[in-house]
Amino acid sequence: MLRPAVAWGDNGAGRLGDGSTVRRSLPVTVQTSLDRVATFAAGDGFALAAG
């Protein structure tokens, strides 16, 4: 089952990928051009998605 990529966090520069700069404390669906995301990792100042 494929599920959408989600993200949460500070988002001050709009880097979550949800089209806003609003802080998100709960997961929101992010915009991506990837058809399938097999691995996703994130930390302080970085994010990585691999199909």
C-alpha atoms as a PDB file:
ATOM      1  CA  MET A   1       0.000   0.000   0.000  1.00  0.00           C
ATOM      2  CA  LEU A   2       1.422   3.376  -1.024  1.00  0.00           C
ATOM      3  CA  ARG A   3       1.015   6.202   1.450  1.00  0.00           C
ATOM      4  CA  PRO A   4       1.675   9.913   0.924  1.00  0.00           C
ATOM      5  CA  ALA A   5       4.837  11.492   2.253  1.00  0.00           C
ATOM      6  CA  VAL A   6       4.189  13.526   5.405  1.00  0.00           C
ATOM      7  CA  ALA A   7       6.216  16.067   7.364  1.00  0.00           C
ATOM      8  CA  TRP A   8       6.027  18.287  10.436  1.00  0.00           C
ATOM      9  CA  GLY A   9       8.217  20.860  12.140  1.00  0.00           C
ATOM     10  CA  ASP A  10       9.152  24.551  12.245  1.00  0.00           C
ATOM     11  CA  ASN A  11       8.652  25.252   8.500  1.00  0.00           C
ATOM     12  CA  GLY A  12       9.886  28.845   8.878  1.00  0.00           C
ATOM     13  CA  ALA A  13      11.307  28.888   5.343  1.00  0.00           C
ATOM     14  CA  GLY A  14       8.581  26.698   3.811  1.00  0.00           C
ATOM     15  CA  ARG A  15      10.799  23.633   3.639  1.00  0.00           C
ATOM     16  CA  LEU A  16       8.215  21.074   4.730  1.00  0.00           C
ATOM     17  CA  GLY A  17       6.771  20.973   1.231  1.00  0.00           C
ATOM     18  CA  ASP A  18       3.147  21.650   2.148  1.00  0.00           C
ATOM     19  CA  GLY A  19       3.046  25.020   0.365  1.00  0.00           C
ATOM     20  CA  SER A  20       3.068  27.118   3.563  1.00  0.00           C
ATOM     21  CA  THR A  21       5.402  28.579   6.179  1.00  0.00           C
ATOM     22  CA  VAL A  22       3.154  27.560   9.087  1.00  0.00           C
ATOM     23  CA  ARG A  23       4.698  25.561  11.974  1.00  0.00           C
ATOM     24  CA  ARG A  24       3.245  22.031  11.929  1.00  0.00           C
ATOM     25  CA  SER A  25       3.136  20.002  15.125  1.00  0.00           C
ATOM     26  CA  LEU A  26       1.122  17.233  13.456  1.00  0.00           C
ATOM     27  CA  PRO A  27       2.005  15.470  10.168  1.00  0.00           C
ATOM     28  CA  VAL A  28       0.744  17.070   6.944  1.00  0.00           C
ATOM     29  CA  THR A  29       0.875  15.655   3.407  1.00  0.00           C
ATOM     30  CA  VAL A  30       3.755  17.135   1.444  1.00  0.00           C
ATOM     31  CA  GLN A  31       3.984  17.910  -2.254  1.00  0.00           C
ATOM     32  CA  THR A  32       6.424  15.689  -4.125  1.00  0.00           C
ATOM     33  CA  SER A  33       7.064  14.558  -7.677  1.00  0.00           C
ATOM     34  CA  LEU A  34       8.119  11.090  -6.496  1.00  0.00           C
ATOM     35  CA  ASP A  35       5.734   8.279  -7.440  1.00  0.00           C
ATOM     36  CA  ARG A  36       6.952   5.988  -4.684  1.00  0.00           C
ATOM     37  CA  VAL A  37       8.927   6.770  -1.561  1.00  0.00           C
ATOM     38  CA  ALA A  38      10.761   3.747  -0.179  1.00  0.00           C
ATOM     39  CA  THR A  39      12.959   5.566   2.338  1.00  0.00           C
ATOM     40  CA  PHE A  40      12.590   8.916   4.026  1.00  0.00           C
ATOM     41  CA  ALA A  41      14.812  10.410   6.716  1.00  0.00           C
ATOM     42  CA  ALA A  42      14.914  13.850   8.307  1.00  0.00           C
ATOM     43  CA  GLY A  43      16.676  15.656  11.087  1.00  0.00           C
ATOM     44  CA  ASP A  44      17.707  19.098  12.235  1.00  0.00           C
ATOM     45  CA  GLY A  45      18.118  21.007   8.977  1.00  0.00           C
ATOM     46  CA  PHE A  46      17.880  18.176   6.451  1.00  0.00           C
ATOM     47  CA  ALA A  47      15.496  15.785   4.710  1.00  0.00           C
ATOM     48  CA  LEU A  48      16.094  12.912   2.299  1.00  0.00           C
ATOM     49  CA  ALA A  49      13.611  10.903   0.228  1.00  0.00           C
ATOM     50  CA  ALA A  50      14.598   7.949  -1.935  1.00  0.00           C
ATOM     51  CA  GLY A  51      12.313   6.144  -4.343  1.00  0.00           C
END
